[in-house]
Amino acid sequence: MLALARLLVFGFLVLSVIYVCLSLYSRSVRRGKLEKEWDEEVKEGDREAFVRDGLLDYDGSLRRKLILGVYVIPICVVSFIIYATNFW
């Protein structure tokens, strides 16, 4: 039981680090695309406001929610492996 608790704690910590890194990377890529779009197409108004509004739209997007798969997929895989080795 102690081994399972250790696996859960360290797994959660590793997955959290991966989630934060992936989330920051995805957000920076989106910011770069918004800045490039403003430079090439819009060029009217405030650039920072355009980027800020685009990032607010990104915060509610499906892509942002799909990054939570970092937690879901490994937990499902490990659960299946534990089930398969113990009960099949």
N, C-alpha and C. Protein backbone atom coordinates (compact mmCIF):
# COMPACT_ATOMS: atom_id res chain seq x y z
N MET A 1 0.82 -1.20 0.00
CA MET A 1 0.00 0.00 0.00
C MET A 1 0.87 1.26 0.00
N LEU A 2 1.99 1.18 0.68
CA LEU A 2 2.90 2.33 0.72
C LEU A 2 3.49 2.60 -0.67
N ALA A 3 3.73 1.53 -1.42
CA ALA A 3 4.27 1.70 -2.77
C ALA A 3 3.25 2.40 -3.67
N LEU A 4 1.99 2.06 -3.52
CA LEU A 4 0.94 2.72 -4.32
C LEU A 4 0.85 4.20 -3.97
N ALA A 5 0.92 4.52 -2.68
CA ALA A 5 0.87 5.92 -2.26
C ALA A 5 2.07 6.69 -2.82
N ARG A 6 3.22 6.08 -2.79
CA ARG A 6 4.42 6.73 -3.32
C ARG A 6 4.28 6.94 -4.84
N LEU A 7 3.77 5.94 -5.53
CA LEU A 7 3.53 6.06 -6.97
C LEU A 7 2.56 7.20 -7.27
N LEU A 8 1.49 7.29 -6.51
CA LEU A 8 0.50 8.35 -6.74
C LEU A 8 1.07 9.74 -6.48
N VAL A 9 1.82 9.88 -5.39
CA VAL A 9 2.37 11.20 -5.04
C VAL A 9 3.41 11.64 -6.07
N PHE A 10 4.38 10.77 -6.36
CA PHE A 10 5.41 11.15 -7.33
C PHE A 10 4.84 11.27 -8.74
N GLY A 11 3.90 10.42 -9.08
CA GLY A 11 3.26 10.53 -10.38
C GLY A 11 2.52 11.84 -10.55
N PHE A 12 1.80 12.23 -9.50
CA PHE A 12 1.08 13.50 -9.55
C PHE A 12 2.04 14.68 -9.68
N LEU A 13 3.15 14.63 -8.96
CA LEU A 13 4.14 15.71 -9.05
C LEU A 13 4.76 15.80 -10.44
N VAL A 14 5.13 14.65 -11.00
CA VAL A 14 5.72 14.64 -12.34
C VAL A 14 4.71 15.12 -13.38
N LEU A 15 3.49 14.62 -13.28
CA LEU A 15 2.46 15.05 -14.23
C LEU A 15 2.15 16.54 -14.09
N SER A 16 2.22 17.07 -12.87
CA SER A 16 1.97 18.50 -12.67
C SER A 16 3.06 19.34 -13.32
N VAL A 17 4.30 18.91 -13.19
CA VAL A 17 5.41 19.64 -13.83
C VAL A 17 5.25 19.60 -15.35
N ILE A 18 4.91 18.43 -15.88
CA ILE A 18 4.70 18.31 -17.33
C ILE A 18 3.54 19.19 -17.78
N TYR A 19 2.45 19.21 -17.00
CA TYR A 19 1.29 20.03 -17.35
C TYR A 19 1.64 21.51 -17.38
N VAL A 20 2.36 21.97 -16.35
CA VAL A 20 2.72 23.39 -16.29
C VAL A 20 3.62 23.77 -17.47
N CYS A 21 4.62 22.94 -17.75
CA CYS A 21 5.53 23.22 -18.87
C CYS A 21 4.77 23.23 -20.20
N LEU A 22 3.92 22.25 -20.41
CA LEU A 22 3.16 22.17 -21.65
C LEU A 22 2.18 23.34 -21.78
N SER A 23 1.57 23.72 -20.68
CA SER A 23 0.63 24.83 -20.70
C SER A 23 1.34 26.15 -21.01
N LEU A 24 2.49 26.38 -20.38
CA LEU A 24 3.24 27.61 -20.65
C LEU A 24 3.75 27.64 -22.09
N TYR A 25 4.20 26.50 -22.59
CA TYR A 25 4.68 26.44 -23.97
C TYR A 25 3.54 26.72 -24.95
N SER A 26 2.38 26.10 -24.74
CA SER A 26 1.26 26.30 -25.63
C SER A 26 0.79 27.75 -25.61
N ARG A 27 0.78 28.34 -24.43
CA ARG A 27 0.36 29.74 -24.31
C ARG A 27 1.35 30.67 -25.03
N SER A 28 2.65 30.38 -24.91
CA SER A 28 3.64 31.23 -25.58
C SER A 28 3.54 31.10 -27.10
N VAL A 29 3.26 29.89 -27.57
CA VAL A 29 3.08 29.70 -29.02
C VAL A 29 1.86 30.48 -29.50
N ARG A 30 0.78 30.44 -28.73
CA ARG A 30 -0.43 31.18 -29.10
C ARG A 30 -0.16 32.68 -29.10
N ARG A 31 0.59 33.16 -28.09
CA ARG A 31 0.94 34.58 -28.02
C ARG A 31 1.74 34.98 -29.26
N GLY A 32 2.69 34.14 -29.65
CA GLY A 32 3.49 34.44 -30.84
C GLY A 32 2.64 34.51 -32.10
N LYS A 33 1.69 33.60 -32.23
CA LYS A 33 0.81 33.61 -33.40
C LYS A 33 -0.07 34.86 -33.41
N LEU A 34 -0.54 35.28 -32.23
CA LEU A 34 -1.37 36.49 -32.17
C LEU A 34 -0.54 37.72 -32.53
N GLU A 35 0.69 37.80 -32.03
CA GLU A 35 1.54 38.94 -32.35
C GLU A 35 1.87 38.97 -33.84
N LYS A 36 2.13 37.81 -34.41
CA LYS A 36 2.41 37.73 -35.85
C LYS A 36 1.18 38.13 -36.66
N GLU A 37 0.00 37.69 -36.24
CA GLU A 37 -1.24 38.06 -36.93
C GLU A 37 -1.45 39.56 -36.88
N TRP A 38 -1.20 40.16 -35.73
CA TRP A 38 -1.39 41.60 -35.62
C TRP A 38 -0.39 42.34 -36.51
N ASP A 39 0.87 41.87 -36.53
CA ASP A 39 1.89 42.53 -37.35
C ASP A 39 1.59 42.43 -38.84
N GLU A 40 1.03 41.29 -39.28
CA GLU A 40 0.82 41.09 -40.71
C GLU A 40 -0.53 41.61 -41.21
N GLU A 41 -1.56 41.55 -40.37
CA GLU A 41 -2.90 41.84 -40.88
C GLU A 41 -3.57 43.05 -40.24
N VAL A 42 -3.59 43.11 -38.91
CA VAL A 42 -4.43 44.10 -38.23
C VAL A 42 -3.79 45.48 -38.26
N LYS A 43 -2.71 45.68 -37.59
CA LYS A 43 -1.94 46.93 -37.51
C LYS A 43 -2.77 48.15 -37.14
N GLU A 44 -3.91 47.94 -36.50
CA GLU A 44 -4.74 49.06 -36.04
C GLU A 44 -5.05 48.86 -34.57
N GLY A 45 -5.02 49.92 -33.82
CA GLY A 45 -5.34 49.84 -32.40
C GLY A 45 -4.14 49.42 -31.57
N ASP A 46 -4.45 48.93 -30.39
CA ASP A 46 -3.42 48.56 -29.43
C ASP A 46 -3.04 47.09 -29.60
N ARG A 47 -1.77 46.85 -29.82
CA ARG A 47 -1.28 45.48 -30.01
C ARG A 47 -1.46 44.63 -28.75
N GLU A 48 -1.13 45.20 -27.61
CA GLU A 48 -1.24 44.46 -26.35
C GLU A 48 -2.69 44.09 -26.04
N ALA A 49 -3.62 44.98 -26.34
CA ALA A 49 -5.04 44.67 -26.12
C ALA A 49 -5.49 43.54 -27.04
N PHE A 50 -5.02 43.55 -28.28
CA PHE A 50 -5.36 42.49 -29.23
C PHE A 50 -4.85 41.14 -28.74
N VAL A 51 -3.59 41.13 -28.28
CA VAL A 51 -2.99 39.88 -27.78
C VAL A 51 -3.70 39.44 -26.51
N ARG A 52 -3.99 40.37 -25.61
CA ARG A 52 -4.68 40.04 -24.35
C ARG A 52 -6.06 39.43 -24.62
N ASP A 53 -6.80 40.03 -25.54
CA ASP A 53 -8.12 39.49 -25.88
C ASP A 53 -8.02 38.11 -26.53
N GLY A 54 -7.01 37.93 -27.37
CA GLY A 54 -6.80 36.62 -27.99
C GLY A 54 -6.44 35.56 -26.97
N LEU A 55 -5.64 35.93 -25.97
CA LEU A 55 -5.28 34.97 -24.92
C LEU A 55 -6.46 34.66 -24.01
N LEU A 56 -7.35 35.62 -23.82
CA LEU A 56 -8.57 35.34 -23.04
C LEU A 56 -9.45 34.35 -23.79
N ASP A 57 -9.53 34.49 -25.11
CA ASP A 57 -10.27 33.50 -25.91
C ASP A 57 -9.60 32.14 -25.83
N TYR A 58 -8.26 32.13 -25.83
CA TYR A 58 -7.51 30.87 -25.74
C TYR A 58 -7.76 30.16 -24.41
N ASP A 59 -7.91 30.94 -23.33
CA ASP A 59 -8.12 30.34 -22.01
C ASP A 59 -9.40 29.50 -21.96
N GLY A 60 -10.39 29.82 -22.75
CA GLY A 60 -11.63 29.06 -22.77
C GLY A 60 -11.71 28.06 -23.91
N SER A 61 -10.60 27.88 -24.62
CA SER A 61 -10.65 27.04 -25.83
C SER A 61 -10.53 25.55 -25.51
N LEU A 62 -10.83 24.76 -26.50
CA LEU A 62 -10.74 23.30 -26.38
C LEU A 62 -9.29 22.86 -26.24
N ARG A 63 -8.38 23.52 -26.93
CA ARG A 63 -6.97 23.15 -26.85
C ARG A 63 -6.46 23.23 -25.41
N ARG A 64 -6.85 24.25 -24.72
CA ARG A 64 -6.43 24.41 -23.32
C ARG A 64 -6.96 23.26 -22.47
N LYS A 65 -8.18 22.83 -22.74
CA LYS A 65 -8.77 21.73 -21.98
C LYS A 65 -8.15 20.39 -22.35
N LEU A 66 -7.70 20.25 -23.59
CA LEU A 66 -7.08 19.00 -24.02
C LEU A 66 -5.74 18.77 -23.34
N ILE A 67 -5.10 19.82 -22.90
CA ILE A 67 -3.83 19.68 -22.19
C ILE A 67 -4.04 18.93 -20.88
N LEU A 68 -5.24 18.97 -20.33
CA LEU A 68 -5.53 18.20 -19.11
C LEU A 68 -5.42 16.70 -19.35
N GLY A 69 -5.34 16.29 -20.60
CA GLY A 69 -5.11 14.89 -20.92
C GLY A 69 -3.78 14.39 -20.37
N VAL A 70 -2.90 15.30 -20.01
CA VAL A 70 -1.64 14.93 -19.38
C VAL A 70 -1.92 14.17 -18.08
N TYR A 71 -2.99 14.50 -17.41
CA TYR A 71 -3.36 13.77 -16.19
C TYR A 71 -4.17 12.52 -16.49
N VAL A 72 -5.10 12.62 -17.41
CA VAL A 72 -6.07 11.55 -17.63
C VAL A 72 -5.44 10.32 -18.29
N ILE A 73 -4.69 10.52 -19.37
CA ILE A 73 -4.17 9.39 -20.14
C ILE A 73 -3.20 8.53 -19.33
N PRO A 74 -2.19 9.08 -18.67
CA PRO A 74 -1.30 8.21 -17.89
C PRO A 74 -2.01 7.48 -16.75
N ILE A 75 -2.97 8.12 -16.11
CA ILE A 75 -3.70 7.46 -15.02
C ILE A 75 -4.49 6.28 -15.57
N CYS A 76 -5.13 6.45 -16.72
CA CYS A 76 -5.88 5.35 -17.33
C CYS A 76 -4.95 4.21 -17.74
N VAL A 77 -3.81 4.53 -18.31
CA VAL A 77 -2.87 3.50 -18.75
C VAL A 77 -2.33 2.72 -17.56
N VAL A 78 -1.92 3.42 -16.52
CA VAL A 78 -1.39 2.75 -15.32
C VAL A 78 -2.47 1.91 -14.66
N SER A 79 -3.68 2.42 -14.59
CA SER A 79 -4.78 1.66 -14.00
C SER A 79 -5.06 0.39 -14.79
N PHE A 80 -5.03 0.49 -16.12
CA PHE A 80 -5.25 -0.70 -16.94
C PHE A 80 -4.14 -1.72 -16.76
N ILE A 81 -2.90 -1.24 -16.70
CA ILE A 81 -1.77 -2.16 -16.50
C ILE A 81 -1.88 -2.87 -15.16
N ILE A 82 -2.22 -2.14 -14.11
CA ILE A 82 -2.37 -2.76 -12.79
C ILE A 82 -3.51 -3.77 -12.82
N TYR A 83 -4.62 -3.42 -13.43
CA TYR A 83 -5.75 -4.34 -13.52
C TYR A 83 -5.38 -5.59 -14.32
N ALA A 84 -4.72 -5.38 -15.45
CA ALA A 84 -4.37 -6.50 -16.32
C ALA A 84 -3.38 -7.45 -15.66
N THR A 85 -2.41 -6.93 -14.94
CA THR A 85 -1.43 -7.81 -14.31
C THR A 85 -2.00 -8.53 -13.10
N ASN A 86 -2.98 -7.98 -12.46
CA ASN A 86 -3.54 -8.61 -11.25
C ASN A 86 -4.73 -9.51 -11.52
N PHE A 87 -5.52 -9.24 -12.53
CA PHE A 87 -6.77 -9.97 -12.69
C PHE A 87 -6.91 -10.74 -14.00
N TRP A 88 -5.95 -10.67 -14.91
CA TRP A 88 -6.05 -11.43 -16.15
C TRP A 88 -5.15 -12.60 -16.09
